[in-house]
Amino acid sequence: MNSTNFTKRFYVASLVFIGLTTFVACGSRTTNNNATRENLIVVNAPTAGVVRRVIAREGLPAREGAMLLEISVETPADASNSAASNLNNAMSEAAERARQIANSRTRVDAATHNKERTAIEVARVESLVAAGQAPQSQLDAARAEFQRAQEQAQVPTVGVVVPTSRPSVAPEVESKIVVVRVPANGTMRVISVKTGDRVRVNQPLATLTVED
């Protein structure tokens, strides 16, 4: 009798143990099958600039390689070309100023020489008129020429003024568009910027949810 009871109890306990083991195993498999591991990818700005256009939308699926947004990058125009142009302009201005100074000196020297020449001529004609060897009209003509030479020598020579510097002009800039693409398949969870925002290098632009 005792042996029979022991056998029944052992048999019932074995069934209960097997049932519990099976339940736990099934539940564990179900839990593992339903669990989803969620990975987040943060997309950072590859360069500084201004957000030109946002293509992706929050909450929507995004495919790897698709356009996420565009960044407009402004860079100064070719500095070497600008420096060479400024140097050429400065050299041209210096050459023009030197030419004007040379012309001014030539005119001054010519006027001074003419004044001295006509003064000598007046003195010569005066001595001839005094000796009765030349008419008064010749002396009047010589004096008139001397007067004109004297006036030309007294008039200051004015040249064209060449500016030594040019007015400041806003530097030219060139714009290029950098396209930021989706790095992996997933869902666009958050977009952290909008059109018109200025971004810096490595600034977070968006967060992508990738499901394994």
N, C-alpha and C. Protein backbone atom coordinates (compact mmCIF):
# COMPACT_ATOMS: atom_id res chain seq x y z
N MET A 1 0.84 -1.21 0.00
CA MET A 1 0.00 0.00 0.00
C MET A 1 0.86 1.24 0.00
N ASN A 2 1.83 1.24 0.81
CA ASN A 2 2.73 2.40 0.87
C ASN A 2 3.50 2.53 -0.41
N SER A 3 3.91 1.40 -0.96
CA SER A 3 4.67 1.41 -2.23
C SER A 3 3.82 1.96 -3.35
N THR A 4 2.54 1.60 -3.33
CA THR A 4 1.63 2.07 -4.40
C THR A 4 1.44 3.57 -4.29
N ASN A 5 1.26 4.08 -3.10
CA ASN A 5 1.08 5.53 -2.91
C ASN A 5 2.33 6.30 -3.33
N PHE A 6 3.47 5.74 -2.96
CA PHE A 6 4.72 6.42 -3.32
C PHE A 6 4.87 6.51 -4.83
N THR A 7 4.49 5.43 -5.51
CA THR A 7 4.60 5.40 -6.99
C THR A 7 3.68 6.43 -7.60
N LYS A 8 2.46 6.53 -7.08
CA LYS A 8 1.50 7.50 -7.61
C LYS A 8 2.00 8.92 -7.40
N ARG A 9 2.52 9.18 -6.20
CA ARG A 9 3.01 10.52 -5.91
C ARG A 9 4.20 10.88 -6.80
N PHE A 10 5.08 9.93 -7.00
CA PHE A 10 6.25 10.18 -7.85
C PHE A 10 5.81 10.45 -9.28
N TYR A 11 4.80 9.69 -9.72
CA TYR A 11 4.30 9.86 -11.08
C TYR A 11 3.66 11.24 -11.25
N VAL A 12 2.86 11.68 -10.26
CA VAL A 12 2.21 13.00 -10.33
C VAL A 12 3.24 14.11 -10.28
N ALA A 13 4.22 13.95 -9.42
CA ALA A 13 5.26 14.98 -9.32
C ALA A 13 6.04 15.09 -10.62
N SER A 14 6.28 13.95 -11.27
CA SER A 14 7.02 13.97 -12.54
C SER A 14 6.22 14.70 -13.61
N LEU A 15 4.91 14.46 -13.63
CA LEU A 15 4.06 15.13 -14.62
C LEU A 15 4.05 16.64 -14.38
N VAL A 16 3.95 17.03 -13.12
CA VAL A 16 3.94 18.46 -12.80
C VAL A 16 5.25 19.10 -13.21
N PHE A 17 6.37 18.42 -12.94
CA PHE A 17 7.69 18.98 -13.29
C PHE A 17 7.84 19.14 -14.80
N ILE A 18 7.40 18.11 -15.50
CA ILE A 18 7.50 18.17 -16.98
C ILE A 18 6.62 19.29 -17.53
N GLY A 19 5.41 19.44 -16.95
CA GLY A 19 4.51 20.49 -17.41
C GLY A 19 5.09 21.88 -17.17
N LEU A 20 5.65 22.06 -15.97
CA LEU A 20 6.24 23.36 -15.67
C LEU A 20 7.42 23.66 -16.57
N THR A 21 8.25 22.65 -16.82
CA THR A 21 9.43 22.84 -17.68
C THR A 21 9.01 23.22 -19.09
N THR A 22 7.98 22.52 -19.58
CA THR A 22 7.49 22.81 -20.94
C THR A 22 6.91 24.22 -21.03
N PHE A 23 6.17 24.62 -19.99
CA PHE A 23 5.56 25.96 -19.99
C PHE A 23 6.62 27.06 -19.98
N VAL A 24 7.63 26.84 -19.13
CA VAL A 24 8.70 27.85 -19.05
C VAL A 24 9.45 27.95 -20.36
N ALA A 25 9.72 26.79 -20.98
CA ALA A 25 10.46 26.79 -22.24
C ALA A 25 9.66 27.47 -23.35
N CYS A 26 8.37 27.19 -23.40
CA CYS A 26 7.52 27.81 -24.43
C CYS A 26 7.42 29.31 -24.22
N GLY A 27 7.24 29.69 -22.94
CA GLY A 27 7.15 31.10 -22.66
C GLY A 27 8.43 31.83 -23.00
N SER A 28 9.56 31.17 -22.74
CA SER A 28 10.84 31.79 -23.04
C SER A 28 11.01 31.99 -24.53
N ARG A 29 10.61 30.98 -25.34
CA ARG A 29 10.72 31.11 -26.78
C ARG A 29 9.81 32.20 -27.30
N THR A 30 8.62 32.30 -26.73
CA THR A 30 7.66 33.32 -27.17
C THR A 30 8.20 34.71 -26.88
N THR A 31 8.78 34.82 -25.68
CA THR A 31 9.34 36.12 -25.30
C THR A 31 10.48 36.51 -26.22
N ASN A 32 11.35 35.54 -26.56
CA ASN A 32 12.47 35.84 -27.43
C ASN A 32 12.02 36.19 -28.83
N ASN A 33 10.96 35.52 -29.30
CA ASN A 33 10.46 35.78 -30.65
C ASN A 33 9.82 37.15 -30.76
N ASN A 34 9.17 37.59 -29.69
CA ASN A 34 8.46 38.86 -29.74
C ASN A 34 9.36 40.04 -29.40
N ALA A 35 10.50 39.81 -28.78
CA ALA A 35 11.38 40.91 -28.39
C ALA A 35 12.06 41.50 -29.63
N THR A 36 12.15 42.78 -29.68
CA THR A 36 12.80 43.48 -30.79
C THR A 36 13.90 44.38 -30.23
N ARG A 37 15.12 44.14 -30.69
CA ARG A 37 16.21 44.97 -30.23
C ARG A 37 16.27 46.23 -31.07
N GLU A 38 16.22 47.38 -30.43
CA GLU A 38 16.15 48.67 -31.12
C GLU A 38 17.52 49.35 -31.08
N ASN A 39 18.04 49.71 -32.30
CA ASN A 39 19.31 50.43 -32.42
C ASN A 39 19.04 51.84 -32.91
N LEU A 40 19.75 52.79 -32.38
CA LEU A 40 19.61 54.19 -32.78
C LEU A 40 20.89 54.65 -33.45
N ILE A 41 20.75 55.32 -34.57
CA ILE A 41 21.87 55.91 -35.28
C ILE A 41 21.65 57.42 -35.34
N VAL A 42 22.64 58.17 -34.86
CA VAL A 42 22.57 59.63 -34.93
C VAL A 42 23.35 60.10 -36.15
N VAL A 43 22.70 60.86 -37.00
CA VAL A 43 23.33 61.39 -38.21
C VAL A 43 23.84 62.80 -37.90
N ASN A 44 25.14 63.01 -38.03
CA ASN A 44 25.76 64.31 -37.74
C ASN A 44 26.06 65.07 -39.02
N ALA A 45 26.20 66.39 -38.88
CA ALA A 45 26.49 67.25 -40.04
C ALA A 45 27.93 67.02 -40.49
N PRO A 46 28.15 66.72 -41.78
CA PRO A 46 29.52 66.51 -42.27
C PRO A 46 30.28 67.82 -42.47
N THR A 47 29.55 68.94 -42.50
CA THR A 47 30.20 70.23 -42.73
C THR A 47 29.33 71.33 -42.13
N ALA A 48 29.90 72.50 -41.98
CA ALA A 48 29.12 73.65 -41.49
C ALA A 48 28.42 74.33 -42.66
N GLY A 49 27.28 74.95 -42.39
CA GLY A 49 26.54 75.63 -43.44
C GLY A 49 25.12 75.91 -43.01
N VAL A 50 24.25 76.09 -44.01
CA VAL A 50 22.84 76.39 -43.76
C VAL A 50 22.00 75.28 -44.37
N VAL A 51 21.03 74.78 -43.60
CA VAL A 51 20.13 73.74 -44.11
C VAL A 51 19.29 74.31 -45.25
N ARG A 52 19.49 73.77 -46.42
CA ARG A 52 18.80 74.27 -47.61
C ARG A 52 17.44 73.60 -47.81
N ARG A 53 17.39 72.29 -47.50
CA ARG A 53 16.14 71.57 -47.72
C ARG A 53 16.16 70.30 -46.88
N VAL A 54 15.02 69.96 -46.27
CA VAL A 54 14.87 68.71 -45.52
C VAL A 54 13.94 67.80 -46.32
N ILE A 55 14.46 66.63 -46.71
CA ILE A 55 13.69 65.71 -47.55
C ILE A 55 12.99 64.65 -46.73
N ALA A 56 13.69 64.06 -45.75
CA ALA A 56 13.11 63.00 -44.93
C ALA A 56 12.03 63.55 -44.00
N ARG A 57 11.17 62.67 -43.51
CA ARG A 57 10.09 63.05 -42.61
C ARG A 57 10.10 62.15 -41.37
N GLU A 58 9.82 62.76 -40.23
CA GLU A 58 9.79 61.99 -38.98
C GLU A 58 8.68 60.94 -39.01
N GLY A 59 8.99 59.75 -38.46
CA GLY A 59 8.01 58.69 -38.35
C GLY A 59 7.84 57.85 -39.60
N LEU A 60 8.51 58.20 -40.68
CA LEU A 60 8.37 57.45 -41.92
C LEU A 60 9.59 56.57 -42.15
N PRO A 61 9.40 55.44 -42.87
CA PRO A 61 10.54 54.58 -43.19
C PRO A 61 11.55 55.33 -44.05
N ALA A 62 12.81 54.99 -43.87
CA ALA A 62 13.89 55.61 -44.64
C ALA A 62 14.81 54.51 -45.14
N ARG A 63 15.12 54.59 -46.42
CA ARG A 63 15.99 53.58 -47.03
C ARG A 63 17.44 54.06 -47.04
N GLU A 64 18.34 53.14 -46.88
CA GLU A 64 19.76 53.47 -46.91
C GLU A 64 20.14 54.12 -48.25
N GLY A 65 20.84 55.25 -48.16
CA GLY A 65 21.27 55.98 -49.35
C GLY A 65 20.30 57.04 -49.82
N ALA A 66 19.08 57.07 -49.24
CA ALA A 66 18.11 58.09 -49.64
C ALA A 66 18.55 59.45 -49.10
N MET A 67 18.10 60.51 -49.77
CA MET A 67 18.46 61.86 -49.35
C MET A 67 17.75 62.21 -48.05
N LEU A 68 18.53 62.65 -47.07
CA LEU A 68 17.95 63.08 -45.79
C LEU A 68 17.70 64.59 -45.81
N LEU A 69 18.76 65.35 -46.14
CA LEU A 69 18.63 66.80 -46.25
C LEU A 69 19.81 67.35 -47.05
N GLU A 70 19.74 68.64 -47.35
CA GLU A 70 20.80 69.32 -48.09
C GLU A 70 21.34 70.48 -47.25
N ILE A 71 22.66 70.66 -47.29
CA ILE A 71 23.32 71.76 -46.59
C ILE A 71 24.01 72.64 -47.63
N SER A 72 23.72 73.95 -47.57
CA SER A 72 24.38 74.91 -48.46
C SER A 72 25.63 75.43 -47.77
N VAL A 73 26.77 75.24 -48.42
CA VAL A 73 28.06 75.65 -47.86
C VAL A 73 28.58 76.83 -48.67
N GLU A 74 28.86 77.94 -47.99
CA GLU A 74 29.39 79.14 -48.65
C GLU A 74 30.88 79.24 -48.39
N THR A 75 31.65 79.37 -49.47
CA THR A 75 33.10 79.49 -49.36
C THR A 75 33.55 80.73 -50.11
N PRO A 76 34.61 81.41 -49.62
CA PRO A 76 35.13 82.57 -50.35
C PRO A 76 35.59 82.18 -51.74
N ALA A 77 35.49 83.14 -52.68
CA ALA A 77 36.00 82.89 -54.02
C ALA A 77 37.49 82.64 -53.96
N ASP A 78 38.04 82.10 -55.05
CA ASP A 78 39.45 81.73 -55.11
C ASP A 78 40.33 82.87 -54.63
N ALA A 79 40.97 82.69 -53.46
CA ALA A 79 41.77 83.76 -52.87
C ALA A 79 42.98 84.10 -53.71
N SER A 80 43.57 83.09 -54.36
CA SER A 80 44.77 83.36 -55.15
C SER A 80 44.46 84.25 -56.34
N ASN A 81 43.33 83.99 -57.00
CA ASN A 81 42.94 84.84 -58.13
C ASN A 81 42.66 86.26 -57.67
N SER A 82 42.00 86.39 -56.52
CA SER A 82 41.68 87.72 -56.01
C SER A 82 42.96 88.49 -55.66
N ALA A 83 43.94 87.81 -55.02
CA ALA A 83 45.19 88.48 -54.66
C ALA A 83 45.96 88.91 -55.90
N ALA A 84 45.98 88.04 -56.93
CA ALA A 84 46.69 88.39 -58.16
C ALA A 84 46.04 89.58 -58.84
N SER A 85 44.70 89.61 -58.83
CA SER A 85 43.99 90.73 -59.44
C SER A 85 44.29 92.04 -58.71
N ASN A 86 44.29 91.99 -57.36
CA ASN A 86 44.60 93.19 -56.58
C ASN A 86 46.02 93.68 -56.85
N LEU A 87 46.95 92.73 -56.98
CA LEU A 87 48.34 93.11 -57.25
C LEU A 87 48.47 93.77 -58.62
N ASN A 88 47.78 93.22 -59.61
CA ASN A 88 47.83 93.81 -60.96
C ASN A 88 47.24 95.22 -60.96
N ASN A 89 46.15 95.40 -60.23
CA ASN A 89 45.53 96.73 -60.15
C ASN A 89 46.47 97.73 -59.49
N ALA A 90 47.13 97.30 -58.40
CA ALA A 90 48.05 98.20 -57.71
C ALA A 90 49.23 98.58 -58.61
N MET A 91 49.73 97.61 -59.37
CA MET A 91 50.86 97.90 -60.26
C MET A 91 50.44 98.84 -61.38
N SER A 92 49.23 98.66 -61.91
CA SER A 92 48.74 99.54 -62.97
C SER A 92 48.57 100.97 -62.45
N GLU A 93 48.04 101.10 -61.23
CA GLU A 93 47.88 102.43 -60.63
C GLU A 93 49.24 103.11 -60.43
N ALA A 94 50.23 102.33 -59.95
CA ALA A 94 51.56 102.91 -59.73
C ALA A 94 52.19 103.36 -61.05
N ALA A 95 52.01 102.56 -62.10
CA ALA A 95 52.57 102.93 -63.40
C ALA A 95 51.89 104.19 -63.95
N GLU A 96 50.57 104.29 -63.77
CA GLU A 96 49.85 105.46 -64.25
C GLU A 96 50.28 106.71 -63.50
N ARG A 97 50.47 106.59 -62.19
CA ARG A 97 50.91 107.74 -61.40
C ARG A 97 52.32 108.18 -61.82
N ALA A 98 53.21 107.22 -62.06
CA ALA A 98 54.57 107.57 -62.48
C ALA A 98 54.54 108.27 -63.84
N ARG A 99 53.69 107.79 -64.75
CA ARG A 99 53.60 108.43 -66.07
C ARG A 99 53.09 109.85 -65.96
N GLN A 100 52.10 110.09 -65.10
CA GLN A 100 51.56 111.44 -64.94
C GLN A 100 52.59 112.38 -64.31
N ILE A 101 53.36 111.87 -63.35
CA ILE A 101 54.40 112.71 -62.73
C ILE A 101 55.46 113.08 -63.76
N ALA A 102 55.85 112.11 -64.60
CA ALA A 102 56.85 112.39 -65.62
C ALA A 102 56.35 113.43 -66.62
N ASN A 103 55.08 113.30 -67.04
CA ASN A 103 54.51 114.27 -67.98
C ASN A 103 54.44 115.66 -67.34
N SER A 104 54.08 115.71 -66.05
CA SER A 104 53.99 117.00 -65.37
C SER A 104 55.36 117.68 -65.30
N ARG A 105 56.39 116.89 -64.99
CA ARG A 105 57.73 117.46 -64.93
C ARG A 105 58.19 117.95 -66.30
N THR A 106 57.83 117.20 -67.34
CA THR A 106 58.22 117.61 -68.70
C THR A 106 57.58 118.95 -69.06
N ARG A 107 56.28 119.10 -68.70
CA ARG A 107 55.59 120.36 -69.01
C ARG A 107 56.19 121.52 -68.22
N VAL A 108 56.52 121.28 -66.95
CA VAL A 108 57.11 122.34 -66.12
C VAL A 108 58.47 122.74 -66.68
N ASP A 109 59.28 121.78 -67.04
CA ASP A 109 60.60 122.08 -67.58
C ASP A 109 60.49 122.85 -68.90
N ALA A 110 59.53 122.46 -69.74
CA ALA A 110 59.36 123.14 -71.03
C ALA A 110 58.90 124.59 -70.82
N ALA A 111 57.97 124.80 -69.88
CA ALA A 111 57.48 126.15 -69.62
C ALA A 111 58.58 127.04 -69.05
N THR A 112 59.40 126.48 -68.16
CA THR A 112 60.50 127.26 -67.58
C THR A 112 61.55 127.62 -68.64
N HIS A 113 61.85 126.67 -69.49
CA HIS A 113 62.82 126.92 -70.56
C HIS A 113 62.30 127.99 -71.52
N ASN A 114 61.01 127.91 -71.86
CA ASN A 114 60.43 128.90 -72.78
C ASN A 114 60.43 130.29 -72.16
N LYS A 115 60.17 130.38 -70.87
CA LYS A 115 60.19 131.67 -70.18
C LYS A 115 61.59 132.28 -70.24
N GLU A 116 62.60 131.45 -69.95
CA GLU A 116 63.97 131.95 -70.00
C GLU A 116 64.36 132.38 -71.42
N ARG A 117 63.94 131.64 -72.39
CA ARG A 117 64.27 131.97 -73.78
C ARG A 117 63.66 133.29 -74.22
N THR A 118 62.36 133.46 -73.89
CA THR A 118 61.68 134.70 -74.31
C THR A 118 62.24 135.91 -73.55
N ALA A 119 62.70 135.71 -72.30
CA ALA A 119 63.29 136.82 -71.54
C ALA A 119 64.60 137.27 -72.21
N ILE A 120 65.38 136.31 -72.67
CA ILE A 120 66.62 136.65 -73.38
C ILE A 120 66.32 137.37 -74.69
N GLU A 121 65.26 136.93 -75.35
CA GLU A 121 64.89 137.54 -76.64
C GLU A 121 64.43 138.99 -76.44
N VAL A 122 63.68 139.24 -75.36
CA VAL A 122 63.23 140.61 -75.08
C VAL A 122 64.45 141.52 -74.85
N ALA A 123 65.41 141.02 -74.07
CA ALA A 123 66.60 141.84 -73.80
C ALA A 123 67.37 142.12 -75.09
N ARG A 124 67.46 141.12 -75.94
CA ARG A 124 68.18 141.32 -77.21
C ARG A 124 67.49 142.34 -78.10
N VAL A 125 66.14 142.22 -78.21
CA VAL A 125 65.40 143.14 -79.08
C VAL A 125 65.42 144.54 -78.51
N GLU A 126 65.38 144.67 -77.18
CA GLU A 126 65.43 145.99 -76.57
C GLU A 126 66.74 146.72 -76.95
N SER A 127 67.84 145.96 -76.91
CA SER A 127 69.12 146.59 -77.30
C SER A 127 69.13 146.98 -78.78
N LEU A 128 68.48 146.21 -79.62
CA LEU A 128 68.42 146.54 -81.05
C LEU A 128 67.56 147.78 -81.28
N VAL A 129 66.41 147.85 -80.54
CA VAL A 129 65.53 149.02 -80.70
C VAL A 129 66.26 150.26 -80.21
N ALA A 130 66.98 150.13 -79.10
CA ALA A 130 67.71 151.28 -78.57
C ALA A 130 68.79 151.76 -79.55
N ALA A 131 69.35 150.82 -80.30
CA ALA A 131 70.38 151.20 -81.29
C ALA A 131 69.78 151.58 -82.63
N GLY A 132 68.44 151.52 -82.71
CA GLY A 132 67.79 151.88 -83.96
C GLY A 132 67.91 150.81 -85.02
N GLN A 133 68.23 149.58 -84.62
CA GLN A 133 68.39 148.50 -85.58
C GLN A 133 67.16 147.59 -85.68
N ALA A 134 66.13 147.86 -84.85
CA ALA A 134 64.90 147.07 -84.91
C ALA A 134 63.73 147.96 -84.57
N PRO A 135 62.57 147.68 -85.19
CA PRO A 135 61.40 148.52 -84.92
C PRO A 135 60.78 148.21 -83.55
N GLN A 136 59.97 149.14 -83.10
CA GLN A 136 59.29 148.96 -81.80
C GLN A 136 58.32 147.78 -81.84
N SER A 137 57.75 147.52 -82.98
CA SER A 137 56.77 146.43 -83.11
C SER A 137 57.42 145.08 -82.82
N GLN A 138 58.69 144.95 -83.19
CA GLN A 138 59.38 143.68 -82.91
C GLN A 138 59.57 143.51 -81.41
N LEU A 139 59.86 144.64 -80.73
CA LEU A 139 60.01 144.58 -79.28
C LEU A 139 58.68 144.25 -78.61
N ASP A 140 57.60 144.85 -79.11
CA ASP A 140 56.27 144.56 -78.54
C ASP A 140 55.92 143.07 -78.69
N ALA A 141 56.25 142.54 -79.85
CA ALA A 141 55.96 141.12 -80.08
C ALA A 141 56.77 140.23 -79.14
N ALA A 142 58.04 140.58 -78.93
CA ALA A 142 58.88 139.79 -78.04
C ALA A 142 58.38 139.86 -76.60
N ARG A 143 57.96 141.07 -76.21
CA ARG A 143 57.42 141.20 -74.85
C ARG A 143 56.12 140.42 -74.67
N ALA A 144 55.28 140.41 -75.69
CA ALA A 144 54.02 139.67 -75.61
C ALA A 144 54.28 138.16 -75.48
N GLU A 145 55.26 137.68 -76.24
CA GLU A 145 55.60 136.26 -76.16
C GLU A 145 56.16 135.92 -74.78
N PHE A 146 56.98 136.82 -74.23
CA PHE A 146 57.52 136.60 -72.89
C PHE A 146 56.40 136.57 -71.84
N GLN A 147 55.40 137.43 -72.03
CA GLN A 147 54.28 137.47 -71.09
C GLN A 147 53.52 136.15 -71.10
N ARG A 148 53.30 135.61 -72.30
CA ARG A 148 52.58 134.32 -72.40
C ARG A 148 53.40 133.20 -71.76
N ALA A 149 54.70 133.19 -71.98
CA ALA A 149 55.55 132.15 -71.39
C ALA A 149 55.55 132.24 -69.88
N GLN A 150 55.56 133.49 -69.40
CA GLN A 150 55.55 133.68 -67.95
C GLN A 150 54.24 133.18 -67.34
N GLU A 151 53.14 133.43 -68.00
CA GLU A 151 51.83 132.96 -67.51
C GLU A 151 51.76 131.43 -67.52
N GLN A 152 52.29 130.81 -68.57
CA GLN A 152 52.27 129.34 -68.63
C GLN A 152 53.12 128.73 -67.53
N ALA A 153 54.24 129.38 -67.21
CA ALA A 153 55.11 128.85 -66.16
C ALA A 153 54.49 129.01 -64.78
N GLN A 154 53.62 130.00 -64.62
CA GLN A 154 53.00 130.24 -63.32
C GLN A 154 51.78 129.37 -63.07
N VAL A 155 51.15 128.83 -64.13
CA VAL A 155 49.95 128.00 -63.97
C VAL A 155 50.37 126.63 -63.45
N PRO A 156 49.88 126.20 -62.30
CA PRO A 156 50.26 124.88 -61.76
C PRO A 156 49.76 123.76 -62.66
N THR A 157 50.58 122.76 -62.80
CA THR A 157 50.21 121.60 -63.61
C THR A 157 49.39 120.65 -62.75
N VAL A 158 48.20 120.37 -63.21
CA VAL A 158 47.29 119.50 -62.47
C VAL A 158 47.13 118.21 -63.25
N GLY A 159 47.46 117.09 -62.60
CA GLY A 159 47.30 115.80 -63.25
C GLY A 159 46.05 115.10 -62.75
N VAL A 160 45.74 113.99 -63.38
CA VAL A 160 44.61 113.18 -62.94
C VAL A 160 44.99 112.46 -61.66
N VAL A 161 44.16 112.59 -60.65
CA VAL A 161 44.44 111.95 -59.37
C VAL A 161 44.03 110.49 -59.44
N VAL A 162 44.96 109.62 -59.17
CA VAL A 162 44.68 108.19 -59.17
C VAL A 162 44.50 107.73 -57.74
N PRO A 163 43.38 107.16 -57.38
CA PRO A 163 43.18 106.73 -55.98
C PRO A 163 44.19 105.65 -55.60
N THR A 164 44.70 105.77 -54.37
CA THR A 164 45.67 104.78 -53.89
C THR A 164 44.99 103.53 -53.36
N SER A 165 43.70 103.64 -53.08
CA SER A 165 42.97 102.46 -52.61
C SER A 165 41.58 102.47 -53.19
N ARG A 166 41.05 101.29 -53.37
CA ARG A 166 39.69 101.16 -53.92
C ARG A 166 38.69 101.00 -52.79
N PRO A 167 37.43 101.43 -53.00
CA PRO A 167 36.42 101.23 -51.96
C PRO A 167 36.24 99.76 -51.67
N SER A 168 35.97 99.47 -50.40
CA SER A 168 35.81 98.08 -50.00
C SER A 168 34.57 97.50 -50.65
N VAL A 169 34.70 96.27 -51.12
CA VAL A 169 33.59 95.57 -51.78
C VAL A 169 33.39 94.26 -51.04
N ALA A 170 32.15 93.88 -50.88
CA ALA A 170 31.85 92.62 -50.21
C ALA A 170 32.51 91.47 -50.97
N PRO A 171 33.21 90.57 -50.25
CA PRO A 171 33.91 89.48 -50.93
C PRO A 171 32.93 88.56 -51.65
N GLU A 172 33.35 88.09 -52.81
CA GLU A 172 32.52 87.16 -53.56
C GLU A 172 32.55 85.80 -52.88
N VAL A 173 31.42 85.11 -52.90
CA VAL A 173 31.34 83.78 -52.30
C VAL A 173 30.77 82.80 -53.31
N GLU A 174 31.20 81.56 -53.17
CA GLU A 174 30.68 80.50 -54.01
C GLU A 174 29.93 79.53 -53.12
N SER A 175 28.76 79.09 -53.57
CA SER A 175 27.94 78.17 -52.79
C SER A 175 27.98 76.78 -53.41
N LYS A 176 28.07 75.77 -52.55
CA LYS A 176 27.97 74.40 -53.03
C LYS A 176 27.00 73.65 -52.11
N ILE A 177 26.38 72.61 -52.65
CA ILE A 177 25.37 71.87 -51.92
C ILE A 177 25.94 70.52 -51.50
N VAL A 178 25.86 70.24 -50.19
CA VAL A 178 26.27 68.95 -49.65
C VAL A 178 25.02 68.16 -49.30
N VAL A 179 24.90 66.96 -49.87
CA VAL A 179 23.73 66.10 -49.63
C VAL A 179 24.06 65.13 -48.51
N VAL A 180 23.22 65.12 -47.47
CA VAL A 180 23.35 64.17 -46.37
C VAL A 180 22.38 63.03 -46.62
N ARG A 181 22.89 61.80 -46.61
CA ARG A 181 22.06 60.63 -46.95
C ARG A 181 21.81 59.74 -45.73
N VAL A 182 20.76 58.92 -45.83
CA VAL A 182 20.39 58.00 -44.75
C VAL A 182 21.43 56.89 -44.69
N PRO A 183 22.02 56.62 -43.52
CA PRO A 183 23.11 55.64 -43.44
C PRO A 183 22.66 54.18 -43.42
N ALA A 184 21.39 53.91 -43.10
CA ALA A 184 20.93 52.52 -43.01
C ALA A 184 19.41 52.49 -43.13
N ASN A 185 18.87 51.32 -43.42
CA ASN A 185 17.41 51.16 -43.47
C ASN A 185 16.83 51.27 -42.07
N GLY A 186 15.70 51.96 -41.95
CA GLY A 186 15.07 52.09 -40.65
C GLY A 186 13.92 53.07 -40.70
N THR A 187 13.63 53.66 -39.56
CA THR A 187 12.56 54.64 -39.44
C THR A 187 13.14 55.94 -38.91
N MET A 188 12.77 57.03 -39.55
CA MET A 188 13.28 58.33 -39.11
C MET A 188 12.57 58.72 -37.82
N ARG A 189 13.31 58.66 -36.73
CA ARG A 189 12.70 58.90 -35.42
C ARG A 189 12.60 60.39 -35.12
N VAL A 190 13.71 61.12 -35.25
CA VAL A 190 13.73 62.55 -34.94
C VAL A 190 14.56 63.27 -35.98
N ILE A 191 14.06 64.42 -36.45
CA ILE A 191 14.85 65.33 -37.28
C ILE A 191 15.05 66.60 -36.46
N SER A 192 16.30 66.92 -36.16
CA SER A 192 16.62 67.96 -35.18
C SER A 192 16.77 69.35 -35.79
N VAL A 193 16.73 69.49 -37.10
CA VAL A 193 16.93 70.79 -37.75
C VAL A 193 15.81 71.02 -38.74
N LYS A 194 15.73 72.29 -39.18
CA LYS A 194 14.73 72.65 -40.18
C LYS A 194 15.39 73.55 -41.23
N THR A 195 14.67 73.76 -42.32
CA THR A 195 15.20 74.59 -43.39
C THR A 195 15.55 75.99 -42.88
N GLY A 196 16.74 76.45 -43.24
CA GLY A 196 17.19 77.78 -42.82
C GLY A 196 18.08 77.77 -41.60
N ASP A 197 18.13 76.64 -40.87
CA ASP A 197 18.99 76.57 -39.69
C ASP A 197 20.46 76.55 -40.11
N ARG A 198 21.29 77.24 -39.34
CA ARG A 198 22.73 77.18 -39.55
C ARG A 198 23.30 76.09 -38.65
N VAL A 199 24.09 75.20 -39.23
CA VAL A 199 24.62 74.06 -38.48
C VAL A 199 26.15 74.12 -38.48
N ARG A 200 26.72 73.46 -37.50
CA ARG A 200 28.18 73.36 -37.40
C ARG A 200 28.60 71.92 -37.67
N VAL A 201 29.87 71.72 -37.84
CA VAL A 201 30.39 70.38 -38.12
C VAL A 201 30.09 69.46 -36.94
N ASN A 202 29.63 68.24 -37.27
CA ASN A 202 29.31 67.18 -36.29
C ASN A 202 28.09 67.50 -35.43
N GLN A 203 27.33 68.52 -35.78
CA GLN A 203 26.08 68.78 -35.05
C GLN A 203 25.06 67.70 -35.42
N PRO A 204 24.34 67.13 -34.43
CA PRO A 204 23.32 66.12 -34.73
C PRO A 204 22.22 66.69 -35.62
N LEU A 205 21.92 65.97 -36.69
CA LEU A 205 20.87 66.40 -37.61
C LEU A 205 19.60 65.58 -37.46
N ALA A 206 19.75 64.27 -37.25
CA ALA A 206 18.59 63.39 -37.17
C ALA A 206 18.96 62.12 -36.43
N THR A 207 17.93 61.41 -35.96
CA THR A 207 18.12 60.12 -35.29
C THR A 207 17.30 59.08 -36.03
N LEU A 208 17.95 57.96 -36.37
CA LEU A 208 17.32 56.88 -37.14
C LEU A 208 17.19 55.64 -36.27
N THR A 209 16.01 55.03 -36.29
CA THR A 209 15.79 53.78 -35.58
C THR A 209 15.99 52.63 -36.54
N VAL A 210 16.90 51.74 -36.18
CA VAL A 210 17.19 50.57 -37.00
C VAL A 210 16.79 49.33 -36.23
N GLU A 211 15.93 48.53 -36.81
CA GLU A 211 15.46 47.32 -36.14
C GLU A 211 16.17 46.09 -36.71
N ASP A 212 16.71 45.24 -35.79
CA ASP A 212 17.36 44.01 -36.20
C ASP A 212 16.33 42.90 -36.36
